Amino acid sequence: MRRISAFTSLSPEQLNERLVEFKKELLKLNSQVSSGANVKNPGRLRQIKKNIARVLTLLNQKGVKVE
């Protein structure tokens, strides 16, 4: 699991890219769960949600508009 320190050194552009990646992965996992398929790592959903929150927090602290 990534901690907030792993994201603090990233630029706002890189943070936005990470945010898009996390949202795509979350969408994919949510669709697997809703279709009834077995998810390999169900704890990954929680990790992704927390990482999205971490990235959004850093973007807000830096005063960057979120896409």
C-alpha atoms as a PDB file:
ATOM      1  CA  MET A   1       0.000   0.000   0.000  1.00  0.00           C
ATOM      2  CA  ARG A   2       1.294   3.418  -0.866  1.00  0.00           C
ATOM      3  CA  ARG A   3       1.642   5.975   1.849  1.00  0.00           C
ATOM      4  CA  ILE A   4       1.177   9.691   1.387  1.00  0.00           C
ATOM      5  CA  SER A   5       4.953  10.173   1.373  1.00  0.00           C
ATOM      6  CA  ALA A   6       5.103   8.250  -1.901  1.00  0.00           C
ATOM      7  CA  PHE A   7       2.923  10.911  -3.523  1.00  0.00           C
ATOM      8  CA  THR A   8       4.330  14.114  -2.006  1.00  0.00           C
ATOM      9  CA  SER A   9       7.294  14.260  -4.378  1.00  0.00           C
ATOM     10  CA  LEU A  10       5.092  14.088  -7.473  1.00  0.00           C
ATOM     11  CA  SER A  11       4.173  17.130  -9.533  1.00  0.00           C
ATOM     12  CA  PRO A  12       0.520  18.141  -9.918  1.00  0.00           C
ATOM     13  CA  GLU A  13       0.483  16.742 -13.464  1.00  0.00           C
ATOM     14  CA  GLN A  14       1.774  13.391 -12.245  1.00  0.00           C
ATOM     15  CA  LEU A  15      -0.771  13.400  -9.422  1.00  0.00           C
ATOM     16  CA  ASN A  16      -3.568  13.965 -11.940  1.00  0.00           C
ATOM     17  CA  GLU A  17      -2.260  11.042 -14.013  1.00  0.00           C
ATOM     18  CA  ARG A  18      -2.203   8.803 -10.932  1.00  0.00           C
ATOM     19  CA  LEU A  19      -5.726   9.904 -10.056  1.00  0.00           C
ATOM     20  CA  VAL A  20      -6.984   8.881 -13.495  1.00  0.00           C
ATOM     21  CA  GLU A  21      -5.205   5.512 -13.228  1.00  0.00           C
ATOM     22  CA  PHE A  22      -6.698   4.815  -9.789  1.00  0.00           C
ATOM     23  CA  LYS A  23     -10.193   5.770 -10.945  1.00  0.00           C
ATOM     24  CA  LYS A  24      -9.938   3.452 -13.964  1.00  0.00           C
ATOM     25  CA  GLU A  25      -8.797   0.583 -11.768  1.00  0.00           C
ATOM     26  CA  LEU A  26     -11.572   1.262  -9.270  1.00  0.00           C
ATOM     27  CA  LEU A  27     -14.155   1.258 -12.062  1.00  0.00           C
ATOM     28  CA  LYS A  28     -12.827  -2.063 -13.348  1.00  0.00           C
ATOM     29  CA  LEU A  29     -12.914  -3.688  -9.909  1.00  0.00           C
ATOM     30  CA  ASN A  30     -16.372  -2.318  -9.136  1.00  0.00           C
ATOM     31  CA  SER A  31     -17.709  -3.766 -12.372  1.00  0.00           C
ATOM     32  CA  GLN A  32     -16.234  -7.161 -11.470  1.00  0.00           C
ATOM     33  CA  VAL A  33     -17.873  -7.058  -8.047  1.00  0.00           C
ATOM     34  CA  SER A  34     -21.246  -5.988  -9.435  1.00  0.00           C
ATOM     35  CA  SER A  35     -21.225  -8.749 -12.044  1.00  0.00           C
ATOM     36  CA  GLY A  36     -20.679 -11.342  -9.342  1.00  0.00           C
ATOM     37  CA  ALA A  37     -17.208 -12.405 -10.466  1.00  0.00           C
ATOM     38  CA  ASN A  38     -14.685 -13.389  -7.832  1.00  0.00           C
ATOM     39  CA  VAL A  39     -12.142 -10.647  -7.267  1.00  0.00           C
ATOM     40  CA  LYS A  40      -8.579 -11.850  -6.762  1.00  0.00           C
ATOM     41  CA  ASN A  41      -7.852  -9.320  -4.031  1.00  0.00           C
ATOM     42  CA  PRO A  42     -10.971  -7.794  -2.450  1.00  0.00           C
ATOM     43  CA  GLY A  43      -8.869  -5.601  -0.158  1.00  0.00           C
ATOM     44  CA  ARG A  44      -7.529  -3.815  -3.220  1.00  0.00           C
ATOM     45  CA  LEU A  45     -10.805  -1.866  -3.503  1.00  0.00           C
ATOM     46  CA  ARG A  46     -10.195  -0.248  -0.140  1.00  0.00           C
ATOM     47  CA  GLN A  47      -6.571   0.518  -0.980  1.00  0.00           C
ATOM     48  CA  ILE A  48      -7.523   2.210  -4.233  1.00  0.00           C
ATOM     49  CA  LYS A  49     -10.177   4.336  -2.539  1.00  0.00           C
ATOM     50  CA  LYS A  50      -7.673   5.461   0.081  1.00  0.00           C
ATOM     51  CA  ASN A  51      -5.072   6.257  -2.580  1.00  0.00           C
ATOM     52  CA  ILE A  52      -7.622   8.365  -4.459  1.00  0.00           C
ATOM     53  CA  ALA A  53      -8.333  10.272  -1.250  1.00  0.00           C
ATOM     54  CA  ARG A  54      -4.594  10.785  -0.651  1.00  0.00           C
ATOM     55  CA  VAL A  55      -4.042  12.161  -4.148  1.00  0.00           C
ATOM     56  CA  LEU A  56      -7.069  14.454  -3.896  1.00  0.00           C
ATOM     57  CA  THR A  57      -5.851  15.737  -0.529  1.00  0.00           C
ATOM     58  CA  LEU A  58      -2.431  16.587  -1.936  1.00  0.00           C
ATOM     59  CA  LEU A  59      -3.959  18.300  -4.961  1.00  0.00           C
ATOM     60  CA  ASN A  60      -6.185  20.391  -2.699  1.00  0.00           C
ATOM     61  CA  GLN A  61      -3.223  21.327  -0.494  1.00  0.00           C
ATOM     62  CA  LYS A  62      -1.259  22.423  -3.550  1.00  0.00           C
ATOM     63  CA  GLY A  63      -4.237  24.463  -4.746  1.00  0.00           C
ATOM     64  CA  VAL A  64      -4.620  22.593  -8.027  1.00  0.00           C
ATOM     65  CA  LYS A  65      -7.974  22.161  -9.723  1.00  0.00           C
ATOM     66  CA  VAL A  66      -9.006  18.530 -10.046  1.00  0.00           C
ATOM     67  CA  GLU A  67     -10.115  17.335 -13.466  1.00  0.00           C
END
